Amino acid sequence: MSFRDKPVIGVIGAGSCSSEVERLAEEVGRRIAESGAVLICGGLGGVMTAASRGASKAGGLTIGVLPGNDRNAANESIDIAIATGIGEARNLIIIKSADVVIALPGAYGTLSEMAFTLKVGKPLVSLGEWDISDEVVRAVTAEEAVKKALELVRKKV
């Protein structure tokens, strides 16, 4: 299967998070990689670091879409770093590049990514306390979130 044939799962969440959310994000990343999907995220800290670390340890491909101009600013588990130089506007690039998005706990940046996801009609799985729309699919565990995300991708194909 070529890269073009693999589902791309966006992972969004806080740039700084608790150890509990970090463990959850790392498991999400691991499960994404084990499923054969590609992980795309903002490429920096917190949820982004943990998810990409989990995917990387499991042999998966990770893409980080960075807000700044320096691709070396990406966390060490990012395989492909894209330096945009467009700040938070890079959130829309992440969403448009993903087939489905999994939202972990976060703040306003995460909320903006969720809004973009719904606005452009992409499937969204919430793994946390996000309850912003009936269109958001809820999940309680990392395993359930990735399973539901992959089911949503298959439905769109």
C-alpha atoms as a PDB file:
ATOM      1  CA  MET A   1       0.000   0.000   0.000  1.00  0.00           C
ATOM      2  CA  SER A   2       1.448   3.354  -0.989  1.00  0.00           C
ATOM      3  CA  PHE A   3       1.375   6.447   1.175  1.00  0.00           C
ATOM      4  CA  ARG A   4      -1.466   7.857  -0.945  1.00  0.00           C
ATOM      5  CA  ASP A   5      -3.655   4.866  -0.097  1.00  0.00           C
ATOM      6  CA  LYS A   6      -3.238   5.137   3.675  1.00  0.00           C
ATOM      7  CA  PRO A   7      -5.756   6.982   5.828  1.00  0.00           C
ATOM      8  CA  VAL A   8      -4.408  10.195   7.343  1.00  0.00           C
ATOM      9  CA  ILE A   9      -5.596  10.819  10.895  1.00  0.00           C
ATOM     10  CA  GLY A  10      -5.243  14.256  12.429  1.00  0.00           C
ATOM     11  CA  VAL A  11      -4.555  14.434  16.145  1.00  0.00           C
ATOM     12  CA  ILE A  12      -5.300  17.708  17.887  1.00  0.00           C
ATOM     13  CA  GLY A  13      -5.015  18.772  21.515  1.00  0.00           C
ATOM     14  CA  ALA A  14      -3.164  20.907  24.018  1.00  0.00           C
ATOM     15  CA  GLY A  15       0.383  22.069  23.374  1.00  0.00           C
ATOM     16  CA  SER A  16       0.991  21.482  27.077  1.00  0.00           C
ATOM     17  CA  CYS A  17      -0.885  18.718  28.855  1.00  0.00           C
ATOM     18  CA  SER A  18      -1.118  16.562  31.957  1.00  0.00           C
ATOM     19  CA  SER A  19       0.690  13.247  32.193  1.00  0.00           C
ATOM     20  CA  GLU A  20      -2.693  11.488  31.916  1.00  0.00           C
ATOM     21  CA  VAL A  21      -3.525  13.208  28.612  1.00  0.00           C
ATOM     22  CA  GLU A  22       0.043  12.606  27.437  1.00  0.00           C
ATOM     23  CA  ARG A  23      -0.336   8.840  28.023  1.00  0.00           C
ATOM     24  CA  LEU A  24      -3.673   8.864  26.207  1.00  0.00           C
ATOM     25  CA  ALA A  25      -2.214  10.777  23.240  1.00  0.00           C
ATOM     26  CA  GLU A  26       0.746   8.407  23.024  1.00  0.00           C
ATOM     27  CA  GLU A  27      -1.612   5.430  22.906  1.00  0.00           C
ATOM     28  CA  VAL A  28      -3.678   7.129  20.182  1.00  0.00           C
ATOM     29  CA  GLY A  29      -0.511   7.634  18.143  1.00  0.00           C
ATOM     30  CA  ARG A  30       0.583   4.030  18.666  1.00  0.00           C
ATOM     31  CA  ARG A  31      -2.800   2.695  17.616  1.00  0.00           C
ATOM     32  CA  ILE A  32      -2.839   4.933  14.528  1.00  0.00           C
ATOM     33  CA  ALA A  33       0.523   3.524  13.444  1.00  0.00           C
ATOM     34  CA  GLU A  34      -0.475  -0.061  14.200  1.00  0.00           C
ATOM     35  CA  SER A  35      -3.553   0.389  12.003  1.00  0.00           C
ATOM     36  CA  GLY A  36      -1.335   1.408   9.077  1.00  0.00           C
ATOM     37  CA  ALA A  37      -2.614   4.987   9.032  1.00  0.00           C
ATOM     38  CA  VAL A  38      -0.512   8.165   8.929  1.00  0.00           C
ATOM     39  CA  LEU A  39      -0.569  10.686  11.783  1.00  0.00           C
ATOM     40  CA  ILE A  40      -0.687  14.421  11.090  1.00  0.00           C
ATOM     41  CA  CYS A  41      -0.538  17.030  13.840  1.00  0.00           C
ATOM     42  CA  GLY A  42       0.882  20.440  14.688  1.00  0.00           C
ATOM     43  CA  GLY A  43       4.329  18.964  15.283  1.00  0.00           C
ATOM     44  CA  LEU A  44       5.197  20.732  18.517  1.00  0.00           C
ATOM     45  CA  GLY A  45       4.685  19.826  22.211  1.00  0.00           C
ATOM     46  CA  GLY A  46       2.113  18.297  24.512  1.00  0.00           C
ATOM     47  CA  VAL A  47      -0.464  16.115  22.768  1.00  0.00           C
ATOM     48  CA  MET A  48       1.448  16.536  19.488  1.00  0.00           C
ATOM     49  CA  THR A  49       4.699  15.205  20.950  1.00  0.00           C
ATOM     50  CA  ALA A  50       3.026  12.320  22.756  1.00  0.00           C
ATOM     51  CA  ALA A  51       0.935  11.196  19.774  1.00  0.00           C
ATOM     52  CA  SER A  52       3.836  11.384  17.344  1.00  0.00           C
ATOM     53  CA  ARG A  53       6.091   9.563  19.827  1.00  0.00           C
ATOM     54  CA  GLY A  54       3.551   6.733  20.091  1.00  0.00           C
ATOM     55  CA  ALA A  55       3.234   6.490  16.315  1.00  0.00           C
ATOM     56  CA  SER A  56       6.983   6.645  15.799  1.00  0.00           C
ATOM     57  CA  LYS A  57       7.716   3.911  18.355  1.00  0.00           C
ATOM     58  CA  ALA A  58       5.190   1.704  16.531  1.00  0.00           C
ATOM     59  CA  GLY A  59       6.878   2.309  13.178  1.00  0.00           C
ATOM     60  CA  GLY A  60       4.319   4.765  11.821  1.00  0.00           C
ATOM     61  CA  LEU A  61       4.736   7.846   9.648  1.00  0.00           C
ATOM     62  CA  THR A  62       4.288  11.230  11.346  1.00  0.00           C
ATOM     63  CA  ILE A  63       3.734  14.622   9.737  1.00  0.00           C
ATOM     64  CA  GLY A  64       4.000  17.894  11.642  1.00  0.00           C
ATOM     65  CA  VAL A  65       2.576  21.119  10.233  1.00  0.00           C
ATOM     66  CA  LEU A  66       4.426  23.849  12.087  1.00  0.00           C
ATOM     67  CA  PRO A  67       3.279  27.417  12.700  1.00  0.00           C
ATOM     68  CA  GLY A  68       6.767  28.911  12.260  1.00  0.00           C
ATOM     69  CA  ASN A  69       9.478  29.056   9.637  1.00  0.00           C
ATOM     70  CA  ASP A  70      11.895  26.526  11.127  1.00  0.00           C
ATOM     71  CA  ARG A  71      11.172  22.877  10.445  1.00  0.00           C
ATOM     72  CA  ASN A  72      13.818  21.970  13.054  1.00  0.00           C
ATOM     73  CA  ALA A  73      11.367  23.235  15.685  1.00  0.00           C
ATOM     74  CA  ALA A  74       9.362  20.022  15.245  1.00  0.00           C
ATOM     75  CA  ASN A  75       9.430  17.493  18.040  1.00  0.00           C
ATOM     76  CA  GLU A  76      11.908  14.625  17.584  1.00  0.00           C
ATOM     77  CA  SER A  77       9.203  12.108  16.597  1.00  0.00           C
ATOM     78  CA  ILE A  78       8.081  14.006  13.503  1.00  0.00           C
ATOM     79  CA  ASP A  79       9.242  12.361  10.256  1.00  0.00           C
ATOM     80  CA  ILE A  80       8.067  15.073   7.871  1.00  0.00           C
ATOM     81  CA  ALA A  81       8.079  18.632   9.205  1.00  0.00           C
ATOM     82  CA  ILE A  82       6.321  21.325   7.175  1.00  0.00           C
ATOM     83  CA  ALA A  83       7.311  24.851   8.194  1.00  0.00           C
ATOM     84  CA  THR A  84       4.441  27.126   7.166  1.00  0.00           C
ATOM     85  CA  GLY A  85       5.348  30.495   8.676  1.00  0.00           C
ATOM     86  CA  ILE A  86       1.617  31.244   8.991  1.00  0.00           C
ATOM     87  CA  GLY A  87       1.101  30.816  12.721  1.00  0.00           C
ATOM     88  CA  GLU A  88      -2.181  29.372  13.936  1.00  0.00           C
ATOM     89  CA  ALA A  89      -3.577  29.468  10.387  1.00  0.00           C
ATOM     90  CA  ARG A  90      -1.643  26.239   9.953  1.00  0.00           C
ATOM     91  CA  ASN A  91      -4.503  24.555  11.842  1.00  0.00           C
ATOM     92  CA  LEU A  92      -6.590  24.598   8.676  1.00  0.00           C
ATOM     93  CA  ILE A  93      -3.790  22.844   6.750  1.00  0.00           C
ATOM     94  CA  ILE A  94      -3.791  20.034   9.308  1.00  0.00           C
ATOM     95  CA  ILE A  95      -7.566  19.636   9.035  1.00  0.00           C
ATOM     96  CA  LYS A  96      -7.705  19.812   5.234  1.00  0.00           C
ATOM     97  CA  SER A  97      -4.886  17.236   4.987  1.00  0.00           C
ATOM     98  CA  ALA A  98      -6.517  14.731   7.354  1.00  0.00           C
ATOM     99  CA  ASP A  99      -9.225  12.248   6.382  1.00  0.00           C
ATOM    100  CA  VAL A 100     -10.543  12.262   9.957  1.00  0.00           C
ATOM    101  CA  VAL A 101      -9.577  14.090  13.148  1.00  0.00           C
ATOM    102  CA  ILE A 102      -9.279  12.893  16.747  1.00  0.00           C
ATOM    103  CA  ALA A 103      -9.552  15.679  19.347  1.00  0.00           C
ATOM    104  CA  LEU A 104      -7.949  15.242  22.757  1.00  0.00           C
ATOM    105  CA  PRO A 105      -8.268  17.747  25.604  1.00  0.00           C
ATOM    106  CA  GLY A 106      -6.965  21.194  24.736  1.00  0.00           C
ATOM    107  CA  ALA A 107      -7.902  24.855  24.673  1.00  0.00           C
ATOM    108  CA  TYR A 108      -8.779  27.497  22.072  1.00  0.00           C
ATOM    109  CA  GLY A 109      -6.376  26.198  19.423  1.00  0.00           C
ATOM    110  CA  THR A 110      -7.957  22.754  19.683  1.00  0.00           C
ATOM    111  CA  LEU A 111     -11.411  24.300  19.586  1.00  0.00           C
ATOM    112  CA  SER A 112     -10.524  26.206  16.402  1.00  0.00           C
ATOM    113  CA  GLU A 113      -9.300  22.982  14.788  1.00  0.00           C
ATOM    114  CA  MET A 114     -12.523  21.246  15.784  1.00  0.00           C
ATOM    115  CA  ALA A 115     -14.557  24.090  14.279  1.00  0.00           C
ATOM    116  CA  PHE A 116     -12.542  23.891  11.042  1.00  0.00           C
ATOM    117  CA  THR A 117     -13.090  20.129  10.956  1.00  0.00           C
ATOM    118  CA  LEU A 118     -16.851  20.503  11.211  1.00  0.00           C
ATOM    119  CA  LYS A 119     -16.926  23.490   8.826  1.00  0.00           C
ATOM    120  CA  VAL A 120     -15.176  21.578   6.028  1.00  0.00           C
ATOM    121  CA  GLY A 121     -17.257  18.447   6.632  1.00  0.00           C
ATOM    122  CA  LYS A 122     -14.551  16.129   7.905  1.00  0.00           C
ATOM    123  CA  PRO A 123     -15.391  13.450  10.489  1.00  0.00           C
ATOM    124  CA  LEU A 124     -14.425  14.312  14.059  1.00  0.00           C
ATOM    125  CA  VAL A 125     -13.920  11.990  17.028  1.00  0.00           C
ATOM    126  CA  SER A 126     -13.776  13.533  20.509  1.00  0.00           C
ATOM    127  CA  LEU A 127     -11.641  11.799  23.089  1.00  0.00           C
ATOM    128  CA  GLY A 128     -12.207  13.956  26.113  1.00  0.00           C
ATOM    129  CA  GLU A 129     -14.665  16.533  27.275  1.00  0.00           C
ATOM    130  CA  TRP A 130     -15.480  18.151  23.935  1.00  0.00           C
ATOM    131  CA  ASP A 131     -19.214  18.194  23.272  1.00  0.00           C
ATOM    132  CA  ILE A 132     -19.700  21.011  20.779  1.00  0.00           C
ATOM    133  CA  SER A 133     -21.987  19.412  18.196  1.00  0.00           C
ATOM    134  CA  ASP A 134     -24.146  16.377  17.518  1.00  0.00           C
ATOM    135  CA  GLU A 135     -21.830  15.736  14.553  1.00  0.00           C
ATOM    136  CA  VAL A 136     -18.923  14.916  16.883  1.00  0.00           C
ATOM    137  CA  VAL A 137     -18.443  11.188  17.496  1.00  0.00           C
ATOM    138  CA  ARG A 138     -17.597  10.474  21.132  1.00  0.00           C
ATOM    139  CA  ALA A 139     -14.982   7.965  22.309  1.00  0.00           C
ATOM    140  CA  VAL A 140     -13.830   7.012  25.787  1.00  0.00           C
ATOM    141  CA  THR A 141     -10.573   5.130  25.102  1.00  0.00           C
ATOM    142  CA  ALA A 142      -7.725   5.526  22.635  1.00  0.00           C
ATOM    143  CA  GLU A 143      -8.610   2.172  21.091  1.00  0.00           C
ATOM    144  CA  GLU A 144     -12.223   3.235  20.575  1.00  0.00           C
ATOM    145  CA  ALA A 145     -11.204   6.631  19.150  1.00  0.00           C
ATOM    146  CA  VAL A 146      -8.919   5.137  16.494  1.00  0.00           C
ATOM    147  CA  LYS A 147     -11.408   2.385  15.663  1.00  0.00           C
ATOM    148  CA  LYS A 148     -14.209   4.927  15.189  1.00  0.00           C
ATOM    149  CA  ALA A 149     -11.935   7.232  13.187  1.00  0.00           C
ATOM    150  CA  LEU A 150     -11.049   4.428  10.766  1.00  0.00           C
ATOM    151  CA  GLU A 151     -14.722   3.427  10.450  1.00  0.00           C
ATOM    152  CA  LEU A 152     -15.596   7.030   9.566  1.00  0.00           C
ATOM    153  CA  VAL A 153     -12.874   7.112   6.894  1.00  0.00           C
ATOM    154  CA  ARG A 154     -14.180   3.888   5.359  1.00  0.00           C
ATOM    155  CA  LYS A 155     -17.726   5.282   5.241  1.00  0.00           C
ATOM    156  CA  LYS A 156     -16.519   8.306   3.248  1.00  0.00           C
ATOM    157  CA  VAL A 157     -14.685   6.198   0.657  1.00  0.00           C
END
